[in-house]
N, C-alpha and C. Protein backbone atom coordinates (compact mmCIF):
# COMPACT_ATOMS: atom_id res chain seq x y z
N MET A 1 1.15 -1.18 -0.04
CA MET A 1 0.42 0.07 0.22
C MET A 1 0.94 1.11 -0.14
N THR A 2 0.27 1.83 -0.95
CA THR A 2 1.19 3.31 -0.87
C THR A 2 0.57 4.62 -0.28
N ALA A 3 1.18 5.57 -0.19
CA ALA A 3 0.38 6.52 0.45
C ALA A 3 0.52 7.87 -0.57
N GLU A 4 -0.29 8.49 -0.92
CA GLU A 4 -0.19 9.72 -1.76
C GLU A 4 0.22 11.08 -0.70
N VAL A 5 0.85 11.69 -1.41
CA VAL A 5 1.53 12.89 -0.18
C VAL A 5 1.04 13.91 -1.27
N ALA A 6 -0.01 14.99 -0.72
CA ALA A 6 -0.43 16.10 -1.36
C ALA A 6 0.34 17.04 -1.72
N PRO A 7 0.20 17.72 -2.72
CA PRO A 7 1.40 18.56 -3.20
C PRO A 7 1.20 20.18 -2.14
N HIS A 8 2.42 20.43 -2.18
CA HIS A 8 2.62 21.40 -1.22
C HIS A 8 2.01 22.55 -2.17
N PRO A 9 1.15 23.77 -1.48
CA PRO A 9 0.60 24.63 -2.32
C PRO A 9 1.78 25.59 -2.90
N SER A 10 2.66 25.68 -2.71
CA SER A 10 3.73 26.51 -3.97
C SER A 10 3.71 25.72 -5.06
N ASP A 11 3.78 24.34 -4.96
CA ASP A 11 4.18 23.33 -5.94
C ASP A 11 2.82 23.05 -6.98
N ALA A 12 1.73 23.36 -6.60
CA ALA A 12 0.54 23.16 -7.20
C ALA A 12 0.41 24.45 -8.24
N ALA A 13 0.05 23.38 -9.71
CA ALA A 13 -0.26 24.34 -11.14
C ALA A 13 -1.11 25.85 -10.28
N PRO A 14 -0.59 27.20 -11.38
CA PRO A 14 -1.23 27.88 -11.04
C PRO A 14 -2.95 27.90 -11.62
N ASP A 15 -3.42 28.56 -10.76
CA ASP A 15 -4.99 28.89 -11.71
C ASP A 15 -5.10 29.71 -12.75
N PRO A 16 -5.56 28.81 -13.76
CA PRO A 16 -5.46 30.05 -15.04
C PRO A 16 -6.13 31.03 -14.98
N SER A 17 -7.38 31.47 -13.87
CA SER A 17 -7.81 32.60 -14.10
C SER A 17 -7.28 33.51 -13.07
N ASP A 18 -6.37 32.81 -12.38
CA ASP A 18 -5.52 34.19 -11.84
C ASP A 18 -4.31 34.39 -12.44
N THR A 19 -3.80 33.86 -13.46
CA THR A 19 -2.62 34.46 -14.48
C THR A 19 -3.38 35.29 -15.51
N PRO A 20 -2.50 36.46 -15.51
CA PRO A 20 -3.07 37.16 -16.75
C PRO A 20 -2.29 36.42 -18.06
N GLY A 21 -3.50 36.79 -18.65
CA GLY A 21 -2.97 35.98 -20.24
C GLY A 21 -2.17 37.07 -21.11
N PRO A 22 -1.81 36.45 -22.18
CA PRO A 22 -1.03 37.40 -23.03
C PRO A 22 -1.72 38.83 -23.46
N ASP A 23 -3.08 38.90 -23.40
CA ASP A 23 -3.66 40.19 -23.71
C ASP A 23 -4.14 41.18 -22.72
N THR A 24 -3.70 40.51 -21.36
CA THR A 24 -3.86 41.38 -19.80
C THR A 24 -3.13 42.63 -20.04
N ILE A 25 -3.90 43.83 -19.45
CA ILE A 25 -3.07 45.10 -19.40
C ILE A 25 -3.69 45.34 -18.01
N SER A 26 -2.61 45.69 -17.53
CA SER A 26 -2.88 46.40 -16.14
C SER A 26 -2.15 47.99 -16.08
N VAL A 27 -3.37 48.86 -15.68
CA VAL A 27 -3.26 50.45 -15.78
C VAL A 27 -3.43 51.09 -14.40
N ARG A 28 -2.84 52.09 -13.71
CA ARG A 28 -3.44 52.67 -12.99
C ARG A 28 -4.61 53.91 -13.64
N LEU A 29 -5.60 53.65 -13.66
CA LEU A 29 -6.56 54.59 -14.51
C LEU A 29 -6.77 55.59 -13.71
N ASN A 30 -6.79 57.07 -13.69
CA ASN A 30 -7.45 58.09 -12.93
C ASN A 30 -7.71 57.50 -11.15
N GLY A 31 -6.61 56.89 -10.56
CA GLY A 31 -5.90 56.91 -9.55
C GLY A 31 -6.56 55.26 -8.99
N GLN A 32 -7.10 54.57 -9.83
CA GLN A 32 -7.49 53.37 -9.53
C GLN A 32 -6.82 52.30 -10.40
N ARG A 33 -6.43 51.27 -9.47
CA ARG A 33 -6.00 49.83 -10.20
C ARG A 33 -7.24 49.41 -11.37
N TYR A 34 -6.72 49.22 -12.51
CA TYR A 34 -7.55 48.43 -13.66
C TYR A 34 -6.73 47.17 -14.12
N GLN A 35 -7.36 46.07 -14.37
CA GLN A 35 -6.82 44.81 -14.90
C GLN A 35 -8.03 44.43 -15.97
N PHE A 36 -7.35 44.71 -17.63
CA PHE A 36 -8.18 44.26 -18.50
C PHE A 36 -7.49 43.49 -19.91
N ASP A 37 -8.45 42.52 -20.52
CA ASP A 37 -7.82 42.04 -21.54
C ASP A 37 -8.33 43.06 -22.78
N ALA A 38 -7.37 43.08 -23.67
CA ALA A 38 -7.22 43.82 -24.74
C ALA A 38 -6.06 43.12 -25.73
N PRO A 39 -6.88 42.83 -27.01
CA PRO A 39 -6.15 42.33 -27.87
C PRO A 39 -5.25 43.21 -28.72
N VAL A 40 -3.91 42.81 -29.20
CA VAL A 40 -3.03 43.75 -29.92
C VAL A 40 -3.93 44.34 -30.96
N GLY A 41 -3.75 45.77 -30.97
CA GLY A 41 -4.49 45.94 -31.97
C GLY A 41 -5.44 47.11 -31.73
N ARG A 42 -6.21 46.69 -30.14
CA ARG A 42 -7.38 47.78 -29.92
C ARG A 42 -6.38 48.76 -29.18
N THR A 43 -7.22 49.99 -29.45
CA THR A 43 -6.76 51.18 -29.08
C THR A 43 -7.11 51.52 -27.47
N LEU A 44 -6.35 52.55 -27.00
CA LEU A 44 -6.35 52.79 -25.68
C LEU A 44 -7.97 53.78 -25.71
N ALA A 45 -8.27 54.42 -26.68
CA ALA A 45 -9.87 55.12 -26.91
C ALA A 45 -10.67 54.01 -26.64
N GLU A 46 -10.68 52.68 -27.44
CA GLU A 46 -11.52 51.69 -27.81
C GLU A 46 -11.66 51.05 -26.11
N VAL A 47 -10.79 50.61 -25.48
CA VAL A 47 -10.99 50.25 -24.35
C VAL A 47 -11.39 50.82 -23.32
N LEU A 48 -10.92 52.39 -23.27
CA LEU A 48 -11.42 53.38 -22.44
C LEU A 48 -13.02 53.75 -22.45
N ARG A 49 -13.49 53.85 -23.36
CA ARG A 49 -14.99 54.19 -24.09
C ARG A 49 -15.61 53.01 -24.07
N ASN A 50 -15.10 51.92 -24.88
CA ASN A 50 -16.22 50.75 -24.76
C ASN A 50 -16.01 49.72 -23.80
N ASP A 51 -14.98 49.27 -23.23
CA ASP A 51 -15.04 48.45 -22.55
C ASP A 51 -14.89 49.02 -21.05
N LEU A 52 -14.38 50.05 -20.64
CA LEU A 52 -14.05 50.40 -19.22
C LEU A 52 -15.31 51.65 -19.12
N GLY A 53 -15.90 52.19 -19.74
CA GLY A 53 -16.98 53.12 -19.64
C GLY A 53 -16.79 54.38 -19.49
N PHE A 54 -15.44 54.78 -19.80
CA PHE A 54 -15.08 56.43 -19.58
C PHE A 54 -15.29 57.08 -20.90
N THR A 55 -16.56 57.43 -21.14
CA THR A 55 -17.07 57.95 -22.30
C THR A 55 -16.52 59.59 -22.64
N GLY A 56 -15.97 60.25 -21.32
CA GLY A 56 -15.34 61.47 -21.49
C GLY A 56 -14.41 61.81 -22.57
N THR A 57 -13.59 60.47 -22.77
CA THR A 57 -12.54 60.52 -24.08
C THR A 57 -13.47 60.34 -25.19
N LYS A 58 -13.30 61.52 -26.01
CA LYS A 58 -14.01 61.55 -27.18
C LYS A 58 -13.04 61.12 -28.52
N VAL A 59 -13.71 60.54 -29.69
CA VAL A 59 -12.90 60.11 -30.88
C VAL A 59 -13.55 61.16 -31.80
N ALA A 60 -12.48 61.73 -32.73
CA ALA A 60 -13.58 62.40 -33.66
C ALA A 60 -13.01 62.20 -35.02
N CYS A 61 -11.87 61.90 -35.38
CA CYS A 61 -10.77 61.83 -36.45
C CYS A 61 -10.29 60.59 -36.64
N GLY A 62 -10.20 59.93 -35.74
CA GLY A 62 -9.67 58.60 -35.21
C GLY A 62 -8.06 58.49 -36.08
N GLU A 63 -7.55 59.26 -36.65
CA GLU A 63 -6.23 59.52 -36.53
C GLU A 63 -5.64 60.30 -36.17
N GLY A 64 -5.70 60.70 -34.85
CA GLY A 64 -4.10 61.61 -34.19
C GLY A 64 -4.23 62.85 -34.78
N HIS A 65 -4.97 63.66 -35.47
CA HIS A 65 -4.89 64.92 -35.54
C HIS A 65 -5.59 65.92 -35.21
N CYS A 66 -6.83 65.31 -34.48
CA CYS A 66 -7.62 66.72 -33.69
C CYS A 66 -7.24 66.89 -32.35
N GLY A 67 -6.95 65.78 -31.45
CA GLY A 67 -6.93 65.96 -30.12
C GLY A 67 -7.98 65.93 -29.35
N ALA A 68 -9.16 65.72 -29.64
CA ALA A 68 -10.32 65.27 -29.03
C ALA A 68 -10.25 63.61 -28.02
N CYS A 69 -9.30 63.25 -28.25
CA CYS A 69 -9.22 61.77 -27.50
C CYS A 69 -8.21 61.72 -26.58
N THR A 70 -7.57 62.75 -26.52
CA THR A 70 -6.31 63.11 -25.70
C THR A 70 -6.74 62.80 -24.29
N VAL A 71 -5.82 62.18 -23.72
CA VAL A 71 -5.36 61.36 -22.17
C VAL A 71 -3.94 61.92 -21.94
N GLN A 72 -3.82 61.54 -20.44
CA GLN A 72 -2.28 61.78 -20.10
C GLN A 72 -2.04 60.38 -19.83
N VAL A 73 -0.71 60.06 -20.05
CA VAL A 73 -0.09 58.77 -19.96
C VAL A 73 1.10 59.01 -19.17
N ASP A 74 1.17 58.79 -17.84
CA ASP A 74 2.30 59.50 -16.92
C ASP A 74 2.42 60.53 -17.10
N GLY A 75 1.46 61.31 -17.37
CA GLY A 75 1.60 63.06 -17.14
C GLY A 75 1.69 63.45 -18.55
N ARG A 76 1.87 62.83 -19.43
CA ARG A 76 1.97 63.38 -20.59
C ARG A 76 0.89 63.20 -21.75
N PRO A 77 0.48 64.38 -22.39
CA PRO A 77 -0.91 64.40 -23.54
C PRO A 77 -0.67 63.32 -24.27
N THR A 78 -1.54 62.27 -24.66
CA THR A 78 -1.22 61.21 -25.56
C THR A 78 -2.68 61.24 -26.45
N LEU A 79 -2.72 61.08 -27.60
CA LEU A 79 -3.96 60.76 -28.58
C LEU A 79 -4.03 59.33 -28.25
N SER A 80 -5.22 58.99 -27.59
CA SER A 80 -5.72 57.49 -27.23
C SER A 80 -6.38 57.01 -28.36
N CYS A 81 -6.27 57.73 -29.58
CA CYS A 81 -7.08 56.99 -30.75
C CYS A 81 -6.35 56.16 -31.80
N ILE A 82 -4.59 56.55 -31.73
CA ILE A 82 -3.88 55.91 -31.96
C ILE A 82 -2.76 55.60 -31.47
N THR A 83 -3.36 55.20 -30.13
CA THR A 83 -2.08 54.57 -29.03
C THR A 83 -2.81 53.23 -28.91
N LEU A 84 -1.99 52.15 -28.99
CA LEU A 84 -2.44 50.93 -28.67
C LEU A 84 -2.52 50.66 -27.45
N ALA A 85 -3.60 49.99 -26.76
CA ALA A 85 -3.89 50.06 -25.60
C ALA A 85 -2.61 49.07 -24.63
N HIS A 86 -1.89 47.99 -25.49
CA HIS A 86 -0.84 47.16 -25.11
C HIS A 86 0.22 47.79 -24.62
N THR A 87 0.07 49.21 -25.38
CA THR A 87 1.52 49.88 -25.00
C THR A 87 1.47 50.91 -23.79
N VAL A 88 0.48 50.60 -23.02
CA VAL A 88 0.48 51.68 -21.66
C VAL A 88 0.39 50.68 -20.71
N ASP A 89 0.59 49.42 -21.02
CA ASP A 89 0.90 48.08 -19.88
C ASP A 89 1.66 49.00 -18.50
N GLY A 90 0.90 48.67 -17.43
CA GLY A 90 2.21 49.28 -16.50
C GLY A 90 1.61 50.94 -16.26
N ALA A 91 1.05 51.48 -16.98
CA ALA A 91 1.17 53.41 -16.64
C ALA A 91 0.51 53.78 -16.16
N GLU A 92 0.48 54.70 -15.92
CA GLU A 92 -0.68 55.90 -14.95
C GLU A 92 -1.30 56.57 -16.43
N VAL A 93 -2.82 56.54 -16.48
CA VAL A 93 -3.47 57.09 -17.29
C VAL A 93 -4.49 58.02 -16.44
N THR A 94 -4.44 59.21 -17.26
CA THR A 94 -5.50 60.35 -16.88
C THR A 94 -6.61 60.81 -17.96
N THR A 95 -7.75 60.32 -17.49
CA THR A 95 -8.84 60.88 -18.75
C THR A 95 -9.55 62.15 -17.69
N ILE A 96 -10.37 62.74 -18.72
CA ILE A 96 -10.99 63.97 -18.44
C ILE A 96 -11.85 63.36 -17.14
N GLU A 97 -12.06 62.28 -16.55
CA GLU A 97 -13.15 61.99 -15.52
C GLU A 97 -12.16 62.19 -14.44
N GLY A 98 -11.02 61.68 -14.22
CA GLY A 98 -10.14 62.15 -13.24
C GLY A 98 -9.34 63.85 -12.92
N LEU A 99 -9.91 63.96 -14.02
CA LEU A 99 -9.46 65.93 -13.73
C LEU A 99 -10.89 66.41 -13.21
N ARG A 100 -12.03 65.91 -13.24
CA ARG A 100 -13.10 66.44 -12.96
C ARG A 100 -13.20 67.71 -11.63
N ASP A 101 -12.39 67.41 -10.79
CA ASP A 101 -11.97 68.41 -9.59
C ASP A 101 -10.90 69.28 -9.75
N HIS A 102 -10.27 69.09 -10.74
CA HIS A 102 -8.93 70.38 -11.09
C HIS A 102 -9.48 71.21 -11.60
N ALA A 103 -9.18 72.45 -10.90
CA ALA A 103 -9.24 74.19 -10.90
C ALA A 103 -9.19 74.29 -12.76
N MET A 104 -8.59 73.82 -13.55
CA MET A 104 -8.89 73.97 -15.01
C MET A 104 -10.24 74.10 -15.63
N VAL A 105 -10.93 72.75 -14.95
CA VAL A 105 -12.55 72.65 -15.49
C VAL A 105 -13.21 73.74 -15.20
N ASP A 106 -13.27 74.51 -13.98
CA ASP A 106 -13.86 75.64 -13.59
C ASP A 106 -13.18 76.57 -14.46
N ALA A 107 -11.94 76.73 -14.62
CA ALA A 107 -11.63 78.03 -15.45
C ALA A 107 -12.31 77.82 -16.91
N PHE A 108 -12.30 76.83 -17.35
CA PHE A 108 -13.00 76.62 -18.76
C PHE A 108 -14.19 77.26 -18.57
N VAL A 109 -15.32 76.77 -17.77
CA VAL A 109 -16.62 77.05 -17.50
C VAL A 109 -16.80 78.72 -17.17
N ARG A 110 -15.81 79.12 -16.35
CA ARG A 110 -15.70 80.59 -15.70
C ARG A 110 -15.41 81.44 -17.29
N CYS A 111 -14.53 81.03 -18.22
CA CYS A 111 -14.02 81.54 -19.36
C CYS A 111 -15.00 81.55 -20.24
N ASP A 112 -15.80 80.69 -20.45
CA ASP A 112 -16.80 80.41 -21.55
C ASP A 112 -15.81 79.58 -22.64
N ALA A 113 -14.84 78.89 -22.03
CA ALA A 113 -13.93 78.31 -23.03
C ALA A 113 -14.32 76.98 -23.80
N LEU A 114 -15.71 77.03 -24.22
CA LEU A 114 -16.40 75.96 -25.15
C LEU A 114 -17.24 76.59 -25.66
N GLN A 115 -17.88 75.71 -26.62
CA GLN A 115 -19.04 75.75 -27.28
C GLN A 115 -19.67 74.70 -27.44
N CYS A 116 -19.33 74.00 -28.50
CA CYS A 116 -20.18 72.34 -28.82
C CYS A 116 -19.65 71.78 -27.50
N GLY A 117 -18.58 71.27 -27.12
CA GLY A 117 -17.83 70.87 -25.86
C GLY A 117 -17.39 69.56 -26.63
N PHE A 118 -17.15 69.39 -27.92
CA PHE A 118 -17.07 68.08 -28.25
C PHE A 118 -15.22 67.85 -28.02
N CYS A 119 -14.45 69.04 -28.26
CA CYS A 119 -13.10 68.96 -28.30
C CYS A 119 -12.68 69.45 -26.81
N THR A 120 -13.73 69.52 -25.96
CA THR A 120 -13.57 70.21 -24.42
C THR A 120 -12.37 69.13 -23.83
N PRO A 121 -13.28 68.02 -23.55
CA PRO A 121 -12.21 67.07 -22.46
C PRO A 121 -10.89 67.10 -23.20
N GLY A 122 -10.66 66.98 -24.28
CA GLY A 122 -9.13 66.57 -24.72
C GLY A 122 -8.36 68.13 -24.75
N GLN A 123 -9.18 69.10 -24.90
CA GLN A 123 -8.26 70.32 -24.46
C GLN A 123 -8.08 70.79 -22.78
N ILE A 124 -8.96 70.07 -21.95
CA ILE A 124 -8.43 70.49 -20.53
C ILE A 124 -7.60 69.48 -20.28
N VAL A 125 -7.51 68.11 -20.60
CA VAL A 125 -6.51 67.01 -20.25
C VAL A 125 -5.32 67.84 -20.69
N SER A 126 -5.13 68.32 -22.14
CA SER A 126 -3.74 68.73 -22.37
C SER A 126 -3.56 70.04 -21.55
N ALA A 127 -4.42 71.10 -21.48
CA ALA A 127 -4.15 72.14 -20.87
C ALA A 127 -3.58 71.83 -19.08
N THR A 128 -4.51 70.91 -18.61
CA THR A 128 -3.76 70.16 -17.08
C THR A 128 -2.42 69.90 -17.02
N ALA A 129 -1.92 69.17 -18.29
CA ALA A 129 -0.59 68.63 -18.43
C ALA A 129 0.46 69.71 -18.50
N LEU A 130 -0.14 70.87 -18.99
CA LEU A 130 0.71 71.80 -19.16
C LEU A 130 1.22 72.61 -17.79
N VAL A 131 0.05 72.71 -17.49
CA VAL A 131 0.20 73.62 -15.86
C VAL A 131 0.72 72.71 -14.82
N GLU A 132 0.65 71.67 -15.03
CA GLU A 132 1.21 70.62 -14.24
C GLU A 132 2.81 70.55 -14.27
N ASN A 133 3.10 71.00 -15.35
CA ASN A 133 4.94 71.11 -15.61
C ASN A 133 5.39 72.69 -15.81
N ASN A 134 4.07 73.10 -15.79
CA ASN A 134 4.54 74.89 -15.80
C ASN A 134 3.36 75.70 -15.63
N PRO A 135 3.20 75.93 -14.04
CA PRO A 135 2.06 76.40 -13.91
C PRO A 135 1.20 77.91 -13.99
N GLU A 136 2.63 78.72 -15.06
CA GLU A 136 2.41 80.19 -15.45
C GLU A 136 2.75 79.99 -16.97
N PRO A 137 2.30 79.21 -17.55
CA PRO A 137 2.59 79.18 -18.98
C PRO A 137 2.58 80.89 -19.88
N SER A 138 3.57 80.94 -20.54
CA SER A 138 3.10 82.52 -21.19
C SER A 138 2.16 82.08 -22.56
N ARG A 139 1.58 83.13 -23.30
CA ARG A 139 0.65 82.98 -24.34
C ARG A 139 1.13 81.96 -25.55
N GLU A 140 2.92 82.23 -25.46
CA GLU A 140 3.29 81.29 -26.97
C GLU A 140 3.39 80.14 -26.34
N GLU A 141 3.72 79.83 -24.90
CA GLU A 141 3.70 78.13 -24.57
C GLU A 141 2.53 77.38 -24.65
N ILE A 142 1.45 78.56 -24.23
CA ILE A 142 -0.03 77.95 -24.29
C ILE A 142 -0.16 77.65 -25.75
N ARG A 143 0.12 78.60 -26.94
CA ARG A 143 -0.23 78.11 -28.08
C ARG A 143 0.30 77.07 -28.70
N HIS A 144 1.99 76.72 -28.28
CA HIS A 144 2.38 75.59 -28.55
C HIS A 144 2.08 74.34 -27.88
N ALA A 145 1.62 74.75 -26.64
CA ALA A 145 1.38 73.21 -25.87
C ALA A 145 -0.04 72.93 -26.44
N MET A 146 -1.12 73.64 -26.69
CA MET A 146 -2.22 73.11 -27.12
C MET A 146 -2.41 72.99 -28.96
N ALA A 147 -1.33 73.20 -29.83
CA ALA A 147 -1.36 73.01 -30.91
C ALA A 147 -1.97 71.67 -31.60
N GLY A 148 -2.04 70.74 -30.76
CA GLY A 148 -2.56 69.56 -30.99
C GLY A 148 -3.77 69.13 -30.90
N ASN A 149 -4.72 70.31 -30.32
CA ASN A 149 -6.02 70.36 -29.96
C ASN A 149 -6.79 71.41 -30.90
N ILE A 150 -7.69 70.88 -31.81
CA ILE A 150 -8.49 71.65 -32.62
C ILE A 150 -9.85 71.63 -32.10
N CYS A 151 -10.25 73.04 -32.14
CA CYS A 151 -11.51 73.37 -31.62
C CYS A 151 -12.28 73.97 -33.02
N ARG A 152 -13.31 73.21 -33.60
CA ARG A 152 -13.80 73.56 -34.79
C ARG A 152 -14.90 74.72 -34.33
N CYS A 153 -15.14 75.02 -33.26
CA CYS A 153 -15.71 76.06 -32.95
C CYS A 153 -15.22 77.68 -32.94
N GLY A 154 -13.79 76.98 -32.84
CA GLY A 154 -12.89 78.37 -32.74
C GLY A 154 -13.01 79.37 -31.16
N ALA A 155 -13.15 78.73 -30.23
CA ALA A 155 -12.87 79.40 -29.02
C ALA A 155 -11.56 79.50 -28.60
N TYR A 156 -10.60 79.49 -29.04
CA TYR A 156 -8.98 79.34 -29.15
C TYR A 156 -8.94 80.55 -28.17
N PRO A 157 -9.32 82.16 -28.27
CA PRO A 157 -8.59 83.15 -27.49
C PRO A 157 -9.30 82.80 -25.93
N LYS A 158 -10.68 82.35 -26.10
CA LYS A 158 -11.46 81.85 -24.30
C LYS A 158 -10.31 80.63 -23.99
N ILE A 159 -10.30 79.79 -24.67
CA ILE A 159 -9.18 78.46 -24.30
C ILE A 159 -7.86 78.85 -23.66
N GLU A 160 -7.57 80.02 -24.24
CA GLU A 160 -6.08 80.70 -23.67
C GLU A 160 -6.43 81.77 -22.53
N GLU A 161 -7.25 81.94 -22.41
CA GLU A 161 -7.94 82.82 -21.19
C GLU A 161 -8.07 81.67 -19.90
N ALA A 162 -8.76 81.05 -20.41
CA ALA A 162 -8.98 80.15 -19.04
C ALA A 162 -7.61 79.46 -18.69
N ILE A 163 -6.43 79.11 -19.64
CA ILE A 163 -5.21 78.86 -19.37
C ILE A 163 -4.36 79.68 -18.45
N LEU A 164 -4.32 80.93 -18.95
CA LEU A 164 -3.85 82.05 -18.21
C LEU A 164 -4.05 82.34 -16.59
N THR A 165 -5.60 81.95 -16.64
CA THR A 165 -6.22 82.29 -15.29
C THR A 165 -6.58 80.94 -14.43
N TRP A 166 -6.05 79.90 -14.93
CA TRP A 166 -6.70 78.85 -14.18
C TRP A 166 -6.46 78.82 -12.77
N ARG A 167 -5.66 79.41 -11.97
CA ARG A 167 -5.54 79.44 -10.62
C ARG A 167 -6.46 80.72 -10.01
N ASP A 168 -7.04 81.43 -10.82
CA ASP A 168 -8.17 82.55 -10.21
C ASP A 168 -9.48 82.25 -9.68
């Protein structure tokens, strides 16, 4: 008669449900840890909007030309419509939802720096990245930093005013 010895828990095969698969991505999103599956080729914008429900990030051109989809990845403005989700694995991602309490939001409202509002989330995300690195940017620095964000309504002077007065 032979006795069976139960394997030590550390010797047991890992539970496949506990092991991230090849398409599993982990990010810190708006201060919270998220883990999700995204096949190679899926954009960050698609994951944010369709999979995680962060619909504040807008997609307009889908080609990285307009800036409506801008989010911050590790504090840098990033066009989420052309950023593949798997490239942000391990990163800190901030969307407009994560900036809802930032003074820049109030500045945009106070200065009437929006019209249709479609570009506004991307504008605010870019503007907050600017002022985090340079709290008192000049007009020229604002124009340079915001050049990747198109406003089809032409609210540029008011956007500039909001950034100049964001701490008022």
